[in-house]
Amino acid sequence: SSGVTIFVGRGGEDNDRTTFGHAKPYELWFHTAQCPGSHVVMKFPDKNFVPSKQEITEAAAVAAFHSKAKNAKAVPVIYTERRFVRKPRGAKPGLVTVEREKMVMVVPREGKG
């Protein structure tokens, strides 16, 4: 709602492109906790941007909507800076490891735009 741009991956290879091709290391990365879904990246207008709690919640809700948990009433979504998302050697498309994540509970919602 604030005009911050988010990217949503569609499938394993697109998730990899979204995470490692489009996201800068300081931007936020979102994914449902313990559930298959899209990688979601919040693009920052500049390196010093600090997203509001509402912007984080809205991006997490989009990640929940683009997951197998889209019909749940509340979905746990993890997020972290992209620099803490890594691709294990030889891992299949879309599979990553995550460090220093935080979690937020959200109601799945489709993004606007």
Protein backbone atom coordinates (compact mmCIF):
# COMPACT_ATOMS: atom_id res chain seq x y z
CA SER A 1 0.00 0.00 0.00
CA SER A 2 3.01 2.32 0.47
CA GLY A 3 4.33 1.83 -3.07
CA VAL A 4 7.25 -0.46 -2.19
CA THR A 5 7.88 -2.94 -5.03
CA ILE A 6 7.93 -6.68 -4.38
CA PHE A 7 8.96 -9.50 -6.71
CA VAL A 8 7.30 -12.93 -6.50
CA GLY A 9 8.99 -16.05 -7.88
CA ARG A 10 6.86 -18.55 -9.83
CA GLY A 11 8.38 -22.00 -9.51
CA GLY A 12 11.85 -23.22 -8.55
CA GLU A 13 14.00 -21.65 -11.26
CA ASP A 14 12.07 -18.36 -11.11
CA ASN A 15 12.49 -18.36 -7.31
CA ASP A 16 16.25 -18.63 -7.82
CA ARG A 17 16.19 -15.73 -10.32
CA THR A 18 14.04 -13.64 -7.97
CA THR A 19 16.30 -14.28 -4.98
CA PHE A 20 19.75 -14.27 -6.53
CA GLY A 21 19.20 -12.28 -9.74
CA HIS A 22 16.91 -9.43 -8.70
CA ALA A 23 17.53 -8.93 -4.97
CA LYS A 24 20.36 -6.84 -3.60
CA PRO A 25 22.05 -8.23 -0.44
CA TYR A 26 20.43 -5.63 1.86
CA GLU A 27 16.85 -6.13 0.56
CA LEU A 28 14.34 -8.31 2.40
CA TRP A 29 13.52 -11.88 1.36
CA PHE A 30 10.28 -13.65 2.46
CA HIS A 31 9.05 -17.26 2.41
CA THR A 32 6.44 -19.27 4.27
CA ALA A 33 7.87 -21.20 7.21
CA GLN A 34 7.97 -24.99 6.72
CA CYS A 35 5.72 -24.87 3.65
CA PRO A 36 6.37 -24.82 -0.13
CA GLY A 37 5.85 -21.43 -1.72
CA SER A 38 7.21 -18.55 -3.73
CA HIS A 39 10.30 -16.54 -2.85
CA VAL A 40 9.24 -12.92 -2.33
CA VAL A 41 11.69 -10.00 -2.38
CA MET A 42 10.98 -6.47 -1.16
CA LYS A 43 12.88 -4.02 -3.38
CA PHE A 44 14.25 -0.97 -1.57
CA PRO A 45 14.34 2.50 -3.19
CA ASP A 46 17.90 2.84 -1.82
CA LYS A 47 20.34 1.13 0.54
CA ASN A 48 19.30 3.26 3.54
CA PHE A 49 15.58 2.43 3.27
CA VAL A 50 14.01 1.01 6.43
CA PRO A 51 10.68 -0.75 5.78
CA SER A 52 7.80 -0.14 8.16
CA LYS A 53 6.18 -2.93 10.14
CA GLN A 54 3.13 -2.59 7.85
CA GLU A 55 5.28 -2.98 4.70
CA ILE A 56 6.89 -6.12 6.16
CA THR A 57 3.47 -7.54 7.10
CA GLU A 58 2.05 -6.82 3.64
CA ALA A 59 5.00 -8.47 1.84
CA ALA A 60 4.73 -11.48 4.18
CA ALA A 61 0.99 -11.74 3.41
CA VAL A 62 1.82 -11.90 -0.32
CA ALA A 63 4.37 -14.67 0.37
CA ALA A 64 1.66 -16.57 2.29
CA PHE A 65 -0.81 -16.11 -0.57
CA HIS A 66 1.70 -17.58 -3.05
CA SER A 67 2.21 -20.76 -1.03
CA LYS A 68 0.52 -24.08 -0.31
CA ALA A 69 -0.92 -22.41 2.83
CA LYS A 70 -2.86 -19.74 0.89
CA ASN A 71 -6.22 -20.91 2.30
CA ALA A 72 -5.11 -20.94 5.95
CA LYS A 73 -6.38 -18.32 8.40
CA ALA A 74 -2.89 -17.51 9.72
CA VAL A 75 0.46 -18.41 8.17
CA PRO A 76 3.96 -18.09 9.64
CA VAL A 77 6.31 -16.33 7.21
CA ILE A 78 10.05 -15.93 7.70
CA TYR A 79 12.04 -12.99 6.40
CA THR A 80 15.65 -11.89 6.42
CA GLU A 81 18.07 -9.79 4.44
CA ARG A 82 18.90 -11.46 1.11
CA ARG A 83 22.56 -11.70 2.17
CA PHE A 84 21.51 -14.42 4.65
CA VAL A 85 19.87 -16.62 1.98
CA ARG A 86 22.22 -19.16 0.41
CA LYS A 87 21.96 -21.79 -2.30
CA PRO A 88 23.55 -25.11 -1.22
CA ARG A 89 25.88 -26.63 -3.81
CA GLY A 90 23.93 -28.95 -6.10
CA ALA A 91 20.54 -28.03 -4.58
CA LYS A 92 17.46 -28.30 -6.78
CA PRO A 93 15.89 -25.08 -8.12
CA GLY A 94 14.20 -23.01 -5.42
CA LEU A 95 15.90 -24.76 -2.49
CA VAL A 96 17.84 -22.43 -0.17
CA THR A 97 19.16 -22.22 3.37
CA VAL A 98 18.31 -19.22 5.52
CA GLU A 99 20.04 -17.61 8.52
CA ARG A 100 19.08 -14.82 10.93
CA GLU A 101 15.42 -15.00 9.97
CA LYS A 102 12.56 -13.36 11.83
CA MET A 103 8.99 -14.61 11.73
CA VAL A 104 5.62 -12.90 11.41
CA MET A 105 2.13 -14.43 11.43
CA VAL A 106 -0.07 -13.13 8.61
CA VAL A 107 -3.35 -13.67 6.80
CA PRO A 108 -2.61 -14.59 3.16
CA ARG A 109 -3.40 -11.70 0.78
CA GLU A 110 -2.87 -11.20 -2.90
CA GLY A 111 -0.64 -8.23 -3.74
CA LYS A 112 -1.93 -5.28 -5.71
CA GLY A 113 -0.50 -4.35 -9.09
